[in-house]
């Protein structure tokens, strides 16, 4: 491989890593915003109920839905920043020449597992679409909207994982590799 081919490979890899970081940054902002909104709704509900008044049930359910979305979106940001629990501790038990291969193998296994989950989460979401249940009639929001986060977030997790796997494969400056 000549110098220009290495430059193209490194340039492409750095663009992919910047894209990964940009996606994670957006995920973190969205997740944070959802948690703030859910916290405000929950605080309002607590204050109103402790004042002796009742609140609509939708406030609690909306908070739960927002926190659920925030968690799934936030995990994607953790994948990109490598803040998630990884099998690095497992790979460190092997000789250094095998560590890179083990990390790649683990990422490939995770990728297939995520694809499997995406497939079945789409099937589950389709069931909610067919039933036509509403989150609350006053919102006229279909219930499947809440469950759409699973296939969407898992797809984003796959993108993060794929970029991480490519980075591990082409990089030799990884920790312990």
N, C-alpha and C. Protein backbone atom coordinates (compact mmCIF):
# COMPACT_ATOMS: atom_id res chain seq x y z
N UNK A 1 0.86 -1.17 0.00
CA UNK A 1 0.00 0.00 0.00
C UNK A 1 0.91 1.24 0.00
N UNK A 2 0.72 2.11 -0.98
CA UNK A 2 1.56 3.29 -1.05
C UNK A 2 1.03 4.39 -0.14
N UNK A 3 1.76 5.50 -0.08
CA UNK A 3 1.44 6.57 0.86
C UNK A 3 0.10 7.22 0.57
N UNK A 4 -0.25 7.39 -0.72
CA UNK A 4 -1.52 8.04 -1.05
C UNK A 4 -2.71 7.16 -0.67
N UNK A 5 -2.57 5.85 -0.79
CA UNK A 5 -3.65 4.95 -0.38
C UNK A 5 -3.84 5.01 1.14
N UNK A 6 -2.74 5.10 1.90
CA UNK A 6 -2.84 5.21 3.35
C UNK A 6 -3.50 6.53 3.74
N UNK A 7 -3.17 7.61 3.01
CA UNK A 7 -3.79 8.91 3.30
C UNK A 7 -5.28 8.87 3.06
N UNK A 8 -5.71 8.23 1.97
CA UNK A 8 -7.14 8.11 1.66
C UNK A 8 -7.84 7.30 2.74
N UNK A 9 -7.20 6.18 3.14
CA UNK A 9 -7.79 5.33 4.19
C UNK A 9 -7.90 6.10 5.50
N UNK A 10 -6.84 6.80 5.90
CA UNK A 10 -6.86 7.57 7.15
C UNK A 10 -7.85 8.72 7.07
N UNK A 11 -7.97 9.36 5.90
CA UNK A 11 -8.91 10.45 5.71
C UNK A 11 -10.35 9.94 5.84
N UNK A 12 -10.63 8.81 5.20
CA UNK A 12 -11.97 8.22 5.27
C UNK A 12 -12.30 7.81 6.70
N UNK A 13 -11.34 7.20 7.36
CA UNK A 13 -11.56 6.77 8.75
C UNK A 13 -11.80 7.98 9.65
N UNK A 14 -11.03 9.04 9.47
CA UNK A 14 -11.22 10.21 10.32
C UNK A 14 -12.57 10.87 10.04
N UNK A 15 -13.02 10.85 8.78
CA UNK A 15 -14.36 11.38 8.46
C UNK A 15 -15.44 10.55 9.14
N UNK A 16 -15.28 9.23 9.12
CA UNK A 16 -16.25 8.35 9.77
C UNK A 16 -16.28 8.59 11.27
N UNK A 17 -15.10 8.78 11.87
CA UNK A 17 -15.04 9.02 13.31
C UNK A 17 -15.65 10.38 13.66
N UNK A 18 -15.45 11.39 12.82
CA UNK A 18 -16.08 12.69 13.05
C UNK A 18 -17.59 12.58 12.92
N UNK A 19 -18.06 11.82 11.93
CA UNK A 19 -19.50 11.60 11.77
C UNK A 19 -20.07 10.89 13.00
N UNK A 20 -19.36 9.90 13.48
CA UNK A 20 -19.77 9.16 14.67
C UNK A 20 -19.87 10.11 15.86
N UNK A 21 -18.89 10.98 16.01
CA UNK A 21 -18.89 11.95 17.11
C UNK A 21 -20.04 12.94 16.96
N UNK A 22 -20.31 13.39 15.73
CA UNK A 22 -21.40 14.34 15.49
C UNK A 22 -22.76 13.72 15.82
N UNK A 23 -22.96 12.47 15.40
CA UNK A 23 -24.21 11.77 15.71
C UNK A 23 -24.37 11.64 17.23
N UNK A 24 -23.29 11.26 17.90
CA UNK A 24 -23.33 11.10 19.35
C UNK A 24 -23.64 12.41 20.05
N UNK A 25 -23.09 13.50 19.53
CA UNK A 25 -23.34 14.82 20.12
C UNK A 25 -24.82 15.19 20.01
N UNK A 26 -25.41 14.93 18.85
CA UNK A 26 -26.84 15.20 18.65
C UNK A 26 -27.67 14.30 19.57
N UNK A 27 -27.29 13.02 19.66
CA UNK A 27 -28.01 12.09 20.54
C UNK A 27 -27.98 12.58 21.99
N UNK A 28 -26.82 13.04 22.42
CA UNK A 28 -26.68 13.50 23.80
C UNK A 28 -27.55 14.73 24.06
N UNK A 29 -27.61 15.64 23.11
CA UNK A 29 -28.44 16.84 23.27
C UNK A 29 -29.93 16.48 23.31
N UNK A 30 -30.35 15.60 22.41
CA UNK A 30 -31.76 15.19 22.38
C UNK A 30 -32.12 14.47 23.68
N UNK A 31 -31.25 13.56 24.10
CA UNK A 31 -31.49 12.80 25.32
C UNK A 31 -31.57 13.73 26.53
N UNK A 32 -30.67 14.68 26.61
CA UNK A 32 -30.68 15.63 27.73
C UNK A 32 -31.95 16.47 27.73
N UNK A 33 -32.36 16.93 26.56
CA UNK A 33 -33.58 17.74 26.45
C UNK A 33 -34.79 16.93 26.91
N UNK A 34 -34.86 15.67 26.50
CA UNK A 34 -36.00 14.82 26.90
C UNK A 34 -36.03 14.60 28.41
N UNK A 35 -34.87 14.43 29.01
CA UNK A 35 -34.82 14.23 30.46
C UNK A 35 -35.24 15.51 31.19
N UNK A 36 -34.83 16.66 30.69
CA UNK A 36 -35.24 17.93 31.31
C UNK A 36 -36.75 18.09 31.22
N UNK A 37 -37.33 17.82 30.05
CA UNK A 37 -38.79 17.95 29.88
C UNK A 37 -39.52 16.96 30.80
N UNK A 38 -39.04 15.72 30.84
CA UNK A 38 -39.67 14.71 31.70
C UNK A 38 -39.57 15.11 33.17
N UNK A 39 -38.44 15.67 33.55
CA UNK A 39 -38.26 16.11 34.94
C UNK A 39 -39.20 17.26 35.28
N UNK A 40 -39.37 18.20 34.35
CA UNK A 40 -40.29 19.32 34.58
C UNK A 40 -41.73 18.83 34.71
N UNK A 41 -42.13 17.91 33.85
CA UNK A 41 -43.49 17.35 33.92
C UNK A 41 -43.68 16.62 35.25
N UNK A 42 -42.68 15.83 35.64
CA UNK A 42 -42.78 15.09 36.91
C UNK A 42 -42.82 16.04 38.10
N UNK A 43 -42.00 17.08 38.07
CA UNK A 43 -42.00 18.06 39.17
C UNK A 43 -43.35 18.76 39.27
N UNK A 44 -43.89 19.15 38.14
CA UNK A 44 -45.22 19.78 38.11
C UNK A 44 -46.27 18.83 38.71
N UNK A 45 -46.21 17.56 38.30
CA UNK A 45 -47.17 16.57 38.80
C UNK A 45 -47.04 16.40 40.32
N UNK A 46 -45.82 16.36 40.82
CA UNK A 46 -45.59 16.20 42.26
C UNK A 46 -46.14 17.40 43.02
N UNK A 47 -45.84 18.59 42.53
CA UNK A 47 -46.30 19.81 43.23
C UNK A 47 -47.82 19.88 43.23
N UNK A 48 -48.44 19.62 42.09
CA UNK A 48 -49.91 19.71 42.00
C UNK A 48 -50.57 18.65 42.87
N UNK A 49 -50.07 17.44 42.85
CA UNK A 49 -50.68 16.37 43.66
C UNK A 49 -50.49 16.61 45.14
N UNK A 50 -49.34 17.14 45.53
CA UNK A 50 -49.12 17.43 46.95
C UNK A 50 -49.91 18.65 47.42
N UNK A 51 -50.40 19.43 46.48
CA UNK A 51 -51.25 20.58 46.82
C UNK A 51 -52.71 20.16 46.98
N UNK A 52 -52.98 18.89 46.76
CA UNK A 52 -54.34 18.39 46.95
C UNK A 52 -55.15 18.32 45.68
N UNK A 53 -54.56 18.62 44.56
CA UNK A 53 -55.27 18.55 43.28
C UNK A 53 -54.85 17.30 42.54
N UNK A 54 -55.64 16.94 41.56
CA UNK A 54 -55.25 15.78 40.76
C UNK A 54 -54.72 16.26 39.42
N UNK A 55 -53.87 15.44 38.85
CA UNK A 55 -53.32 15.75 37.53
C UNK A 55 -53.77 14.68 36.55
N UNK A 56 -53.62 14.98 35.31
CA UNK A 56 -54.00 14.00 34.29
C UNK A 56 -53.01 12.85 34.29
N UNK A 57 -53.52 11.67 34.03
CA UNK A 57 -52.66 10.49 33.99
C UNK A 57 -51.64 10.56 32.86
N UNK A 58 -51.95 11.33 31.82
CA UNK A 58 -51.04 11.40 30.70
C UNK A 58 -49.70 12.01 31.09
N UNK A 59 -49.66 12.84 32.13
CA UNK A 59 -48.41 13.49 32.53
C UNK A 59 -47.38 12.45 32.97
N UNK A 60 -47.81 11.48 33.75
CA UNK A 60 -46.90 10.44 34.21
C UNK A 60 -46.47 9.56 33.03
N UNK A 61 -47.44 9.17 32.19
CA UNK A 61 -47.11 8.32 31.05
C UNK A 61 -46.20 9.02 30.05
N UNK A 62 -46.43 10.30 29.85
CA UNK A 62 -45.57 11.06 28.94
C UNK A 62 -44.15 11.15 29.50
N UNK A 63 -44.02 11.34 30.80
CA UNK A 63 -42.69 11.36 31.43
C UNK A 63 -41.98 10.03 31.24
N UNK A 64 -42.71 8.94 31.44
CA UNK A 64 -42.11 7.61 31.27
C UNK A 64 -41.68 7.40 29.83
N UNK A 65 -42.51 7.80 28.87
CA UNK A 65 -42.16 7.65 27.46
C UNK A 65 -40.92 8.49 27.11
N UNK A 66 -40.86 9.72 27.61
CA UNK A 66 -39.71 10.58 27.34
C UNK A 66 -38.43 10.01 27.93
N UNK A 67 -38.51 9.51 29.16
CA UNK A 67 -37.32 8.92 29.78
C UNK A 67 -36.89 7.66 29.03
N UNK A 68 -37.85 6.86 28.58
CA UNK A 68 -37.52 5.67 27.80
C UNK A 68 -36.78 6.04 26.52
N UNK A 69 -37.30 7.03 25.81
CA UNK A 69 -36.63 7.49 24.60
C UNK A 69 -35.25 8.03 24.92
N UNK A 70 -35.15 8.81 26.00
CA UNK A 70 -33.86 9.41 26.38
C UNK A 70 -32.82 8.34 26.69
N UNK A 71 -33.25 7.27 27.35
CA UNK A 71 -32.31 6.20 27.68
C UNK A 71 -31.80 5.52 26.42
N UNK A 72 -32.70 5.16 25.52
CA UNK A 72 -32.27 4.47 24.30
C UNK A 72 -31.41 5.38 23.42
N UNK A 73 -31.75 6.65 23.35
CA UNK A 73 -30.94 7.57 22.55
C UNK A 73 -29.59 7.81 23.23
N UNK A 74 -29.59 7.94 24.54
CA UNK A 74 -28.36 8.17 25.28
C UNK A 74 -27.38 7.02 25.19
N UNK A 75 -27.88 5.81 25.12
CA UNK A 75 -26.98 4.65 24.99
C UNK A 75 -26.19 4.72 23.68
N UNK A 76 -26.82 5.23 22.63
CA UNK A 76 -26.11 5.40 21.37
C UNK A 76 -24.93 6.33 21.53
N UNK A 77 -25.11 7.41 22.28
CA UNK A 77 -24.01 8.34 22.54
C UNK A 77 -22.91 7.65 23.34
N UNK A 78 -23.30 6.75 24.25
CA UNK A 78 -22.30 6.00 25.01
C UNK A 78 -21.48 5.07 24.12
N UNK A 79 -22.13 4.46 23.14
CA UNK A 79 -21.40 3.62 22.21
C UNK A 79 -20.34 4.42 21.47
N UNK A 80 -20.72 5.60 21.00
CA UNK A 80 -19.79 6.41 20.23
C UNK A 80 -18.63 6.92 21.07
N UNK A 81 -18.90 7.24 22.34
CA UNK A 81 -17.83 7.76 23.20
C UNK A 81 -17.10 6.65 23.95
N UNK A 82 -17.46 5.42 23.66
CA UNK A 82 -16.86 4.24 24.30
C UNK A 82 -17.01 4.27 25.82
N UNK A 83 -18.15 4.79 26.27
CA UNK A 83 -18.45 4.85 27.70
C UNK A 83 -19.28 3.67 28.16
N UNK A 84 -19.60 2.78 27.24
CA UNK A 84 -20.43 1.63 27.59
C UNK A 84 -19.55 0.50 28.13
N UNK A 85 -20.19 -0.46 28.74
CA UNK A 85 -19.46 -1.62 29.25
C UNK A 85 -19.02 -2.44 28.05
N UNK A 86 -17.76 -2.67 27.96
CA UNK A 86 -17.21 -3.38 26.82
C UNK A 86 -16.48 -4.62 27.33
N UNK A 87 -16.04 -5.41 26.42
CA UNK A 87 -15.33 -6.63 26.79
C UNK A 87 -13.83 -6.42 26.79
N UNK A 88 -13.39 -5.16 26.96
CA UNK A 88 -11.96 -4.89 27.00
C UNK A 88 -11.27 -5.71 28.10
N UNK A 89 -11.94 -5.82 29.24
CA UNK A 89 -11.35 -6.59 30.33
C UNK A 89 -11.15 -8.04 29.92
N UNK A 90 -12.07 -8.57 29.10
CA UNK A 90 -11.96 -9.95 28.62
C UNK A 90 -10.81 -10.08 27.63
N UNK A 91 -10.71 -9.12 26.72
CA UNK A 91 -9.67 -9.20 25.70
C UNK A 91 -8.28 -9.02 26.28
N UNK A 92 -8.16 -8.33 27.41
CA UNK A 92 -6.86 -8.11 28.04
C UNK A 92 -6.27 -9.40 28.62
N UNK A 93 -7.09 -10.43 28.78
CA UNK A 93 -6.61 -11.70 29.31
C UNK A 93 -5.81 -12.47 28.26
N UNK A 94 -5.93 -12.08 27.00
CA UNK A 94 -5.25 -12.78 25.92
C UNK A 94 -3.97 -12.05 25.54
N UNK A 95 -3.07 -12.75 24.85
CA UNK A 95 -1.86 -12.08 24.37
C UNK A 95 -2.22 -10.89 23.49
N UNK A 96 -1.33 -9.91 23.47
CA UNK A 96 -1.62 -8.65 22.77
C UNK A 96 -1.93 -8.86 21.29
N UNK A 97 -1.33 -9.82 20.65
CA UNK A 97 -1.57 -10.00 19.21
C UNK A 97 -2.99 -10.49 18.92
N UNK A 98 -3.69 -11.06 19.93
CA UNK A 98 -5.06 -11.54 19.74
C UNK A 98 -6.12 -10.53 20.16
N UNK A 99 -5.73 -9.50 20.90
CA UNK A 99 -6.70 -8.57 21.48
C UNK A 99 -7.52 -7.83 20.43
N UNK A 100 -6.87 -7.38 19.38
CA UNK A 100 -7.58 -6.65 18.32
C UNK A 100 -8.62 -7.55 17.66
N UNK A 101 -8.24 -8.78 17.37
CA UNK A 101 -9.17 -9.73 16.75
C UNK A 101 -10.35 -10.06 17.65
N UNK A 102 -10.09 -10.18 18.93
CA UNK A 102 -11.18 -10.48 19.87
C UNK A 102 -12.16 -9.31 19.94
N UNK A 103 -11.66 -8.09 19.99
CA UNK A 103 -12.54 -6.92 20.02
C UNK A 103 -13.38 -6.84 18.74
N UNK A 104 -12.77 -7.14 17.61
CA UNK A 104 -13.52 -7.13 16.35
C UNK A 104 -14.58 -8.23 16.36
N UNK A 105 -14.21 -9.41 16.83
CA UNK A 105 -15.17 -10.52 16.90
C UNK A 105 -16.35 -10.18 17.81
N UNK A 106 -16.06 -9.60 18.96
CA UNK A 106 -17.13 -9.21 19.89
C UNK A 106 -18.05 -8.17 19.25
N UNK A 107 -17.47 -7.19 18.55
CA UNK A 107 -18.29 -6.18 17.88
C UNK A 107 -19.16 -6.79 16.78
N UNK A 108 -18.62 -7.76 16.06
CA UNK A 108 -19.41 -8.43 15.00
C UNK A 108 -20.56 -9.21 15.63
N UNK A 109 -20.30 -9.89 16.73
CA UNK A 109 -21.36 -10.63 17.43
C UNK A 109 -22.44 -9.66 17.91
N UNK A 110 -22.02 -8.54 18.49
CA UNK A 110 -22.98 -7.52 18.94
C UNK A 110 -23.78 -6.97 17.77
N UNK A 111 -23.11 -6.75 16.65
CA UNK A 111 -23.79 -6.23 15.47
C UNK A 111 -24.89 -7.18 15.01
N UNK A 112 -24.60 -8.48 14.95
CA UNK A 112 -25.62 -9.45 14.57
C UNK A 112 -26.74 -9.50 15.60
N UNK A 113 -26.40 -9.39 16.88
CA UNK A 113 -27.42 -9.39 17.92
C UNK A 113 -28.34 -8.17 17.78
N UNK A 114 -27.75 -7.00 17.50
CA UNK A 114 -28.54 -5.79 17.30
C UNK A 114 -29.44 -5.91 16.09
N UNK A 115 -28.94 -6.49 15.00
CA UNK A 115 -29.76 -6.68 13.80
C UNK A 115 -30.93 -7.61 14.12
N UNK A 116 -30.68 -8.65 14.90
CA UNK A 116 -31.72 -9.58 15.33
C UNK A 116 -32.79 -8.83 16.13
N UNK A 117 -32.35 -7.97 17.06
CA UNK A 117 -33.29 -7.20 17.88
C UNK A 117 -34.07 -6.21 17.01
N UNK A 118 -33.40 -5.60 16.05
CA UNK A 118 -34.10 -4.67 15.14
C UNK A 118 -35.22 -5.40 14.42
N UNK A 119 -34.92 -6.58 13.92
CA UNK A 119 -35.92 -7.36 13.18
C UNK A 119 -37.16 -7.62 14.03
N UNK A 120 -36.95 -8.10 15.24
CA UNK A 120 -38.09 -8.43 16.09
C UNK A 120 -38.76 -7.19 16.69
N UNK A 121 -38.02 -6.10 16.86
CA UNK A 121 -38.66 -4.88 17.35
C UNK A 121 -39.54 -4.26 16.26
N UNK A 122 -39.17 -4.44 15.00
CA UNK A 122 -40.03 -3.98 13.90
C UNK A 122 -41.33 -4.80 13.87
N UNK A 123 -41.20 -6.11 14.08
CA UNK A 123 -42.39 -6.97 14.12
C UNK A 123 -43.30 -6.56 15.28
N UNK A 124 -42.72 -6.29 16.45
CA UNK A 124 -43.51 -5.89 17.61
C UNK A 124 -44.18 -4.54 17.37
N UNK A 125 -43.45 -3.62 16.76
CA UNK A 125 -44.02 -2.30 16.47
C UNK A 125 -45.17 -2.41 15.47
N UNK A 126 -45.03 -3.30 14.49
CA UNK A 126 -46.11 -3.52 13.52
C UNK A 126 -47.38 -4.02 14.20
N UNK A 127 -47.21 -4.83 15.25
CA UNK A 127 -48.39 -5.29 16.00
C UNK A 127 -49.12 -4.11 16.64
N UNK A 128 -48.37 -3.16 17.19
CA UNK A 128 -49.00 -1.97 17.77
C UNK A 128 -49.68 -1.13 16.70
N UNK A 129 -49.09 -1.09 15.51
CA UNK A 129 -49.70 -0.35 14.40
C UNK A 129 -51.03 -0.99 14.04
N UNK A 130 -51.06 -2.33 13.97
CA UNK A 130 -52.28 -3.04 13.60
C UNK A 130 -53.39 -2.89 14.63
N UNK A 131 -53.02 -2.84 15.91
CA UNK A 131 -54.05 -2.72 16.94
C UNK A 131 -54.65 -1.32 16.96
N UNK A 132 -53.87 -0.32 16.57
CA UNK A 132 -54.39 1.04 16.52
C UNK A 132 -54.60 1.68 17.87
N UNK A 133 -54.00 1.13 18.91
CA UNK A 133 -54.15 1.72 20.24
C UNK A 133 -53.55 3.12 20.27
N UNK A 134 -54.15 3.95 21.09
CA UNK A 134 -53.69 5.34 21.24
C UNK A 134 -53.00 5.48 22.59
N UNK A 135 -52.00 6.36 22.62
CA UNK A 135 -51.34 6.67 23.88
C UNK A 135 -52.35 7.32 24.82
N UNK A 136 -52.98 8.35 24.34
CA UNK A 136 -54.11 8.97 25.01
C UNK A 136 -54.96 9.58 23.93
N UNK A 137 -56.26 9.46 24.08
CA UNK A 137 -57.18 9.97 23.05
C UNK A 137 -57.03 11.47 22.88
N UNK A 138 -56.72 12.18 23.96
CA UNK A 138 -56.61 13.63 23.83
C UNK A 138 -55.43 14.04 22.97
N UNK A 139 -54.38 13.21 22.95
CA UNK A 139 -53.23 13.50 22.09
C UNK A 139 -53.45 12.95 20.69
N UNK A 140 -54.31 11.94 20.59
CA UNK A 140 -54.53 11.24 19.33
C UNK A 140 -53.22 10.68 18.78
N UNK A 141 -52.33 10.28 19.68
CA UNK A 141 -51.02 9.75 19.32
C UNK A 141 -51.05 8.23 19.37
N UNK A 142 -50.69 7.58 18.29
CA UNK A 142 -50.66 6.12 18.31
C UNK A 142 -49.63 5.59 19.31
N UNK A 143 -49.95 4.50 19.94
CA UNK A 143 -49.07 3.90 20.94
C UNK A 143 -47.75 3.43 20.34
N UNK A 144 -47.77 3.04 19.07
CA UNK A 144 -46.53 2.53 18.47
C UNK A 144 -45.45 3.59 18.38
N UNK A 145 -45.80 4.86 18.46
CA UNK A 145 -44.80 5.93 18.44
C UNK A 145 -43.80 5.74 19.58
N UNK A 146 -44.30 5.34 20.73
CA UNK A 146 -43.43 5.11 21.89
C UNK A 146 -42.47 3.97 21.60
N UNK A 147 -42.94 2.94 20.93
CA UNK A 147 -42.11 1.76 20.72
C UNK A 147 -41.21 1.85 19.49
N UNK A 148 -41.37 2.89 18.70
CA UNK A 148 -40.50 3.09 17.53
C UNK A 148 -39.05 3.35 17.92
N UNK A 149 -38.84 3.78 19.16
CA UNK A 149 -37.48 4.09 19.58
C UNK A 149 -36.57 2.87 19.51
N UNK A 150 -37.11 1.69 19.73
CA UNK A 150 -36.27 0.50 19.74
C UNK A 150 -35.61 0.25 18.38
N UNK A 151 -36.35 0.10 17.29
CA UNK A 151 -35.64 -0.11 16.02
C UNK A 151 -34.80 1.08 15.58
N UNK A 152 -35.26 2.29 15.88
CA UNK A 152 -34.50 3.48 15.49
C UNK A 152 -33.17 3.52 16.24
N UNK A 153 -33.24 3.37 17.55
CA UNK A 153 -32.01 3.45 18.35
C UNK A 153 -31.07 2.28 18.05
N UNK A 154 -31.63 1.10 17.86
CA UNK A 154 -30.77 -0.04 17.55
C UNK A 154 -30.05 0.14 16.22
N UNK A 155 -30.71 0.77 15.25
CA UNK A 155 -30.05 1.05 13.97
C UNK A 155 -28.88 2.01 14.19
N UNK A 156 -29.11 3.04 15.00
CA UNK A 156 -28.03 4.00 15.29
C UNK A 156 -26.91 3.32 16.06
N UNK A 157 -27.26 2.41 16.98
CA UNK A 157 -26.23 1.66 17.69
C UNK A 157 -25.39 0.84 16.71
N UNK A 158 -26.06 0.26 15.71
CA UNK A 158 -25.34 -0.52 14.69
C UNK A 158 -24.36 0.36 13.93
N UNK A 159 -24.77 1.58 13.60
CA UNK A 159 -23.87 2.50 12.90
C UNK A 159 -22.66 2.80 13.77
N UNK A 160 -22.88 3.11 15.05
CA UNK A 160 -21.77 3.38 15.97
C UNK A 160 -20.85 2.16 16.07
N UNK A 161 -21.44 1.01 16.21
CA UNK A 161 -20.66 -0.22 16.38
C UNK A 161 -19.86 -0.54 15.11
N UNK A 162 -20.45 -0.34 13.97
CA UNK A 162 -19.76 -0.58 12.71
C UNK A 162 -18.57 0.36 12.55
N UNK A 163 -18.76 1.63 12.86
CA UNK A 163 -17.66 2.60 12.78
C UNK A 163 -16.57 2.24 13.79
N UNK A 164 -16.96 1.82 14.98
CA UNK A 164 -15.98 1.41 15.99
C UNK A 164 -15.20 0.18 15.52
N UNK A 165 -15.88 -0.77 14.90
CA UNK A 165 -15.21 -1.97 14.40
C UNK A 165 -14.22 -1.62 13.30
N UNK A 166 -14.62 -0.75 12.40
CA UNK A 166 -13.71 -0.31 11.33
C UNK A 166 -12.51 0.42 11.92
N UNK A 167 -12.77 1.24 12.94
CA UNK A 167 -11.68 1.95 13.61
C UNK A 167 -10.71 0.98 14.27
N UNK A 168 -11.23 -0.03 14.94
CA UNK A 168 -10.36 -1.03 15.57
C UNK A 168 -9.54 -1.75 14.52
N UNK A 169 -10.17 -2.10 13.42
CA UNK A 169 -9.50 -2.86 12.36
C UNK A 169 -8.35 -2.07 11.74
N UNK A 170 -8.58 -0.80 11.46
CA UNK A 170 -7.56 0.01 10.78
C UNK A 170 -6.62 0.74 11.70
N UNK A 171 -6.88 0.74 12.99
CA UNK A 171 -6.02 1.46 13.93
C UNK A 171 -5.15 0.51 14.69
N UNK A 172 -3.93 0.96 14.94
CA UNK A 172 -3.04 0.16 15.77
C UNK A 172 -2.74 0.90 17.06
N UNK A 173 -3.36 2.07 17.26
CA UNK A 173 -3.09 2.87 18.46
C UNK A 173 -4.15 2.67 19.54
N UNK A 174 -4.94 1.62 19.41
CA UNK A 174 -5.96 1.35 20.43
C UNK A 174 -5.30 0.94 21.73
N UNK A 175 -6.04 1.11 22.82
CA UNK A 175 -5.52 0.73 24.12
C UNK A 175 -5.24 -0.76 24.14
N UNK A 176 -4.03 -1.11 24.42
CA UNK A 176 -3.66 -2.51 24.56
C UNK A 176 -3.59 -3.26 23.24
N UNK A 177 -3.79 -2.60 22.14
CA UNK A 177 -3.74 -3.30 20.85
C UNK A 177 -2.52 -2.88 20.11
